[in-house]
Amino acid sequence: MEITKKDALDKAYHILSNEIREYASIHSIPEKELKHLIDSVIEAYVEKKAVFYMEERLCKFQSRLNGSLNFTLRVLGSNSSQKDCSIAYTKHLKQLITND
């Protein structure tokens, strides 16, 4: 079983937040400071999780876009007299890419 970035991030978040709470209880850190530390960890966690989500989505889009561009170049390369090329390749994204 492969560990994904999201899985590693989730595990790191839980370990870090537990360690911070344990350290705070051992060293009598005030509740206000503990809350500030935990809030900082949560903020970084959410931000990084959003980055991973966007990377995943953009990777899928990029592969479709690369396929569209490769198709266009093959069509233009096989028929050099063709001046206009229209492509509707992004079926799953429901978008239209047109080169005129």
N, C-alpha and C. Protein backbone atom coordinates (compact mmCIF):
# COMPACT_ATOMS: atom_id res chain seq x y z
N MET A 1 0.84 -1.19 0.00
CA MET A 1 0.00 0.00 0.00
C MET A 1 0.88 1.24 0.00
N GLU A 2 0.59 2.13 -0.94
CA GLU A 2 1.38 3.35 -1.09
C GLU A 2 0.85 4.45 -0.17
N ILE A 3 1.74 5.12 0.51
CA ILE A 3 1.36 6.24 1.37
C ILE A 3 1.37 7.51 0.52
N THR A 4 0.24 8.19 0.49
CA THR A 4 0.13 9.42 -0.29
C THR A 4 0.61 10.61 0.53
N LYS A 5 0.78 11.73 -0.15
CA LYS A 5 1.15 12.97 0.54
C LYS A 5 0.10 13.36 1.58
N LYS A 6 -1.17 13.17 1.20
CA LYS A 6 -2.26 13.51 2.12
C LYS A 6 -2.22 12.64 3.37
N ASP A 7 -1.96 11.34 3.19
CA ASP A 7 -1.87 10.43 4.33
C ASP A 7 -0.72 10.83 5.26
N ALA A 8 0.44 11.13 4.66
CA ALA A 8 1.60 11.55 5.46
C ALA A 8 1.32 12.85 6.19
N LEU A 9 0.64 13.78 5.52
CA LEU A 9 0.29 15.05 6.15
C LEU A 9 -0.66 14.84 7.31
N ASP A 10 -1.69 14.01 7.13
CA ASP A 10 -2.64 13.72 8.20
C ASP A 10 -1.93 13.11 9.41
N LYS A 11 -1.06 12.15 9.15
CA LYS A 11 -0.33 11.50 10.24
C LYS A 11 0.57 12.49 10.97
N ALA A 12 1.28 13.32 10.20
CA ALA A 12 2.16 14.32 10.81
C ALA A 12 1.36 15.32 11.65
N TYR A 13 0.19 15.73 11.15
CA TYR A 13 -0.65 16.66 11.89
C TYR A 13 -1.07 16.07 13.24
N HIS A 14 -1.53 14.82 13.22
CA HIS A 14 -1.98 14.20 14.47
C HIS A 14 -0.82 14.00 15.45
N ILE A 15 0.32 13.59 14.95
CA ILE A 15 1.48 13.40 15.83
C ILE A 15 1.92 14.74 16.42
N LEU A 16 2.02 15.76 15.57
CA LEU A 16 2.48 17.07 16.05
C LEU A 16 1.51 17.68 17.05
N SER A 17 0.23 17.61 16.76
CA SER A 17 -0.74 18.21 17.70
C SER A 17 -0.74 17.46 19.03
N ASN A 18 -0.61 16.15 18.99
CA ASN A 18 -0.54 15.38 20.24
C ASN A 18 0.72 15.70 21.03
N GLU A 19 1.84 15.84 20.33
CA GLU A 19 3.11 16.17 21.01
C GLU A 19 3.06 17.57 21.62
N ILE A 20 2.45 18.51 20.92
CA ILE A 20 2.32 19.87 21.46
C ILE A 20 1.48 19.85 22.73
N ARG A 21 0.36 19.12 22.69
CA ARG A 21 -0.50 19.04 23.88
C ARG A 21 0.22 18.37 25.05
N GLU A 22 0.96 17.32 24.75
CA GLU A 22 1.70 16.62 25.81
C GLU A 22 2.78 17.52 26.39
N TYR A 23 3.53 18.22 25.53
CA TYR A 23 4.57 19.13 25.98
C TYR A 23 3.96 20.25 26.84
N ALA A 24 2.82 20.77 26.40
CA ALA A 24 2.16 21.85 27.14
C ALA A 24 1.72 21.39 28.52
N SER A 25 1.24 20.15 28.63
CA SER A 25 0.80 19.67 29.94
C SER A 25 1.99 19.41 30.86
N ILE A 26 3.09 18.93 30.32
CA ILE A 26 4.28 18.66 31.13
C ILE A 26 4.90 19.97 31.63
N HIS A 27 4.94 20.97 30.77
CA HIS A 27 5.63 22.22 31.10
C HIS A 27 4.69 23.35 31.51
N SER A 28 3.47 23.03 31.81
CA SER A 28 2.47 23.99 32.30
C SER A 28 2.37 25.24 31.42
N ILE A 29 2.23 25.03 30.15
CA ILE A 29 2.06 26.15 29.22
C ILE A 29 0.60 26.62 29.33
N PRO A 30 0.39 27.93 29.43
CA PRO A 30 -0.97 28.47 29.57
C PRO A 30 -1.87 28.07 28.38
N GLU A 31 -3.15 27.96 28.68
CA GLU A 31 -4.12 27.53 27.66
C GLU A 31 -4.14 28.46 26.46
N LYS A 32 -3.96 29.75 26.68
CA LYS A 32 -3.97 30.72 25.60
C LYS A 32 -2.82 30.47 24.62
N GLU A 33 -1.64 30.20 25.14
CA GLU A 33 -0.48 29.92 24.29
C GLU A 33 -0.65 28.58 23.56
N LEU A 34 -1.19 27.60 24.26
CA LEU A 34 -1.44 26.29 23.65
C LEU A 34 -2.42 26.45 22.49
N LYS A 35 -3.48 27.21 22.71
CA LYS A 35 -4.46 27.42 21.64
C LYS A 35 -3.82 28.11 20.44
N HIS A 36 -2.95 29.08 20.70
CA HIS A 36 -2.26 29.77 19.61
C HIS A 36 -1.38 28.79 18.82
N LEU A 37 -0.66 27.93 19.51
CA LEU A 37 0.19 26.94 18.84
C LEU A 37 -0.64 25.96 18.01
N ILE A 38 -1.70 25.45 18.59
CA ILE A 38 -2.55 24.50 17.88
C ILE A 38 -3.21 25.17 16.68
N ASP A 39 -3.66 26.42 16.83
CA ASP A 39 -4.25 27.15 15.71
C ASP A 39 -3.24 27.34 14.57
N SER A 40 -1.98 27.59 14.92
CA SER A 40 -0.94 27.74 13.90
C SER A 40 -0.71 26.43 13.15
N VAL A 41 -0.72 25.33 13.89
CA VAL A 41 -0.55 24.02 13.27
C VAL A 41 -1.72 23.71 12.35
N ILE A 42 -2.93 24.00 12.80
CA ILE A 42 -4.13 23.75 11.99
C ILE A 42 -4.10 24.60 10.72
N GLU A 43 -3.70 25.84 10.85
CA GLU A 43 -3.63 26.73 9.69
C GLU A 43 -2.64 26.19 8.65
N ALA A 44 -1.47 25.78 9.09
CA ALA A 44 -0.48 25.21 8.16
C ALA A 44 -0.97 23.91 7.54
N TYR A 45 -1.64 23.09 8.35
CA TYR A 45 -2.18 21.81 7.88
C TYR A 45 -3.22 22.03 6.78
N VAL A 46 -4.15 22.93 7.01
CA VAL A 46 -5.21 23.19 6.04
C VAL A 46 -4.63 23.77 4.75
N GLU A 47 -3.68 24.68 4.90
CA GLU A 47 -3.05 25.28 3.72
C GLU A 47 -2.33 24.23 2.87
N LYS A 48 -1.57 23.36 3.53
CA LYS A 48 -0.84 22.32 2.81
C LYS A 48 -1.79 21.31 2.17
N LYS A 49 -2.86 20.98 2.87
CA LYS A 49 -3.85 20.04 2.32
C LYS A 49 -4.50 20.64 1.07
N ALA A 50 -4.76 21.93 1.08
CA ALA A 50 -5.32 22.60 -0.10
C ALA A 50 -4.33 22.57 -1.27
N VAL A 51 -3.05 22.75 -0.97
CA VAL A 51 -2.03 22.68 -2.02
C VAL A 51 -2.01 21.28 -2.64
N PHE A 52 -2.05 20.25 -1.83
CA PHE A 52 -2.06 18.88 -2.35
C PHE A 52 -3.31 18.63 -3.21
N TYR A 53 -4.44 19.13 -2.77
CA TYR A 53 -5.69 18.97 -3.52
C TYR A 53 -5.57 19.64 -4.89
N MET A 54 -5.07 20.87 -4.91
CA MET A 54 -4.93 21.59 -6.18
C MET A 54 -3.91 20.91 -7.09
N GLU A 55 -2.82 20.41 -6.53
CA GLU A 55 -1.82 19.69 -7.34
C GLU A 55 -2.47 18.49 -8.02
N GLU A 56 -3.28 17.77 -7.27
CA GLU A 56 -3.95 16.59 -7.81
C GLU A 56 -4.89 16.97 -8.95
N ARG A 57 -5.68 17.99 -8.75
CA ARG A 57 -6.63 18.43 -9.77
C ARG A 57 -5.92 18.98 -11.00
N LEU A 58 -4.89 19.80 -10.79
CA LEU A 58 -4.17 20.39 -11.91
C LEU A 58 -3.40 19.34 -12.71
N CYS A 59 -2.94 18.31 -12.05
CA CYS A 59 -2.24 17.23 -12.73
C CYS A 59 -3.17 16.55 -13.73
N LYS A 60 -4.41 16.30 -13.34
CA LYS A 60 -5.39 15.70 -14.24
C LYS A 60 -5.69 16.63 -15.41
N PHE A 61 -5.85 17.90 -15.13
CA PHE A 61 -6.12 18.88 -16.18
C PHE A 61 -4.94 18.97 -17.13
N GLN A 62 -3.72 18.97 -16.59
CA GLN A 62 -2.52 19.09 -17.40
C GLN A 62 -2.38 17.92 -18.37
N SER A 63 -2.70 16.71 -17.92
CA SER A 63 -2.59 15.56 -18.81
C SER A 63 -3.60 15.67 -19.95
N ARG A 64 -4.79 16.16 -19.67
CA ARG A 64 -5.79 16.35 -20.74
C ARG A 64 -5.36 17.45 -21.70
N LEU A 65 -4.82 18.53 -21.16
CA LEU A 65 -4.36 19.63 -21.99
C LEU A 65 -3.19 19.18 -22.87
N ASN A 66 -2.27 18.42 -22.33
CA ASN A 66 -1.16 17.89 -23.12
C ASN A 66 -1.65 17.00 -24.24
N GLY A 67 -2.65 16.17 -23.96
CA GLY A 67 -3.24 15.33 -25.00
C GLY A 67 -3.86 16.16 -26.10
N SER A 68 -4.56 17.22 -25.73
CA SER A 68 -5.18 18.11 -26.71
C SER A 68 -4.13 18.78 -27.59
N LEU A 69 -3.09 19.28 -26.96
CA LEU A 69 -2.04 19.95 -27.72
C LEU A 69 -1.30 18.97 -28.64
N ASN A 70 -1.04 17.76 -28.16
CA ASN A 70 -0.39 16.76 -29.00
C ASN A 70 -1.25 16.42 -30.21
N PHE A 71 -2.54 16.27 -30.00
CA PHE A 71 -3.48 16.00 -31.09
C PHE A 71 -3.45 17.14 -32.10
N THR A 72 -3.49 18.37 -31.62
CA THR A 72 -3.48 19.53 -32.49
C THR A 72 -2.22 19.58 -33.34
N LEU A 73 -1.09 19.34 -32.70
CA LEU A 73 0.18 19.37 -33.44
C LEU A 73 0.25 18.27 -34.49
N ARG A 74 -0.31 17.09 -34.17
CA ARG A 74 -0.33 16.01 -35.15
C ARG A 74 -1.22 16.37 -36.33
N VAL A 75 -2.39 16.96 -36.05
CA VAL A 75 -3.31 17.35 -37.13
C VAL A 75 -2.67 18.42 -38.00
N LEU A 76 -2.08 19.42 -37.38
CA LEU A 76 -1.45 20.49 -38.15
C LEU A 76 -0.22 19.99 -38.90
N GLY A 77 0.51 19.06 -38.30
CA GLY A 77 1.70 18.51 -38.94
C GLY A 77 1.35 17.61 -40.12
N SER A 78 0.22 16.92 -40.07
CA SER A 78 -0.15 16.01 -41.15
C SER A 78 -0.78 16.74 -42.33
N ASN A 79 -1.29 17.93 -42.11
CA ASN A 79 -1.93 18.69 -43.17
C ASN A 79 -1.47 20.14 -43.06
N SER A 80 -0.35 20.45 -43.73
CA SER A 80 0.25 21.77 -43.57
C SER A 80 -0.58 22.88 -44.20
N SER A 81 -1.50 22.55 -45.12
CA SER A 81 -2.32 23.59 -45.75
C SER A 81 -3.51 24.00 -44.87
N GLN A 82 -3.77 23.22 -43.82
CA GLN A 82 -4.90 23.54 -42.93
C GLN A 82 -4.53 24.73 -42.06
N LYS A 83 -5.39 25.77 -42.08
CA LYS A 83 -5.10 26.98 -41.33
C LYS A 83 -5.90 27.07 -40.05
N ASP A 84 -7.06 26.48 -40.04
CA ASP A 84 -7.93 26.55 -38.86
C ASP A 84 -8.03 25.17 -38.22
N CYS A 85 -8.02 25.17 -36.90
CA CYS A 85 -8.15 23.90 -36.18
C CYS A 85 -8.99 24.16 -34.94
N SER A 86 -10.07 23.40 -34.81
CA SER A 86 -10.92 23.51 -33.63
C SER A 86 -10.87 22.20 -32.88
N ILE A 87 -10.78 22.29 -31.55
CA ILE A 87 -10.66 21.09 -30.73
C ILE A 87 -11.69 21.13 -29.62
N ALA A 88 -12.40 20.04 -29.47
CA ALA A 88 -13.28 19.87 -28.32
C ALA A 88 -12.86 18.56 -27.66
N TYR A 89 -11.82 18.60 -26.86
CA TYR A 89 -11.23 17.38 -26.31
C TYR A 89 -11.53 17.19 -24.82
N THR A 90 -11.78 18.25 -24.13
CA THR A 90 -11.91 18.17 -22.69
C THR A 90 -13.33 17.79 -22.29
N LYS A 91 -13.72 16.58 -22.66
CA LYS A 91 -15.07 16.09 -22.40
C LYS A 91 -15.41 16.11 -20.92
N HIS A 92 -14.51 15.61 -20.09
CA HIS A 92 -14.78 15.51 -18.66
C HIS A 92 -14.81 16.87 -17.98
N LEU A 93 -14.09 17.81 -18.51
CA LEU A 93 -14.07 19.16 -17.92
C LEU A 93 -15.15 20.05 -18.50
N LYS A 94 -15.80 19.58 -19.59
CA LYS A 94 -16.89 20.32 -20.25
C LYS A 94 -16.43 21.71 -20.66
N GLN A 95 -15.25 21.75 -21.28
CA GLN A 95 -14.72 23.01 -21.77
C GLN A 95 -14.41 22.88 -23.25
N LEU A 96 -14.33 23.97 -23.92
CA LEU A 96 -14.03 23.99 -25.34
C LEU A 96 -12.76 24.80 -25.56
N ILE A 97 -11.84 24.18 -26.24
CA ILE A 97 -10.60 24.88 -26.57
C ILE A 97 -10.59 25.06 -28.08
N THR A 98 -10.46 26.27 -28.55
CA THR A 98 -10.52 26.55 -29.97
C THR A 98 -9.31 27.35 -30.40
N ASN A 99 -8.65 26.90 -31.47
CA ASN A 99 -7.56 27.65 -32.09
C ASN A 99 -8.02 27.99 -33.50
N ASP A 100 -8.09 29.24 -33.80
CA ASP A 100 -8.50 29.68 -35.14
C ASP A 100 -7.34 30.36 -35.82
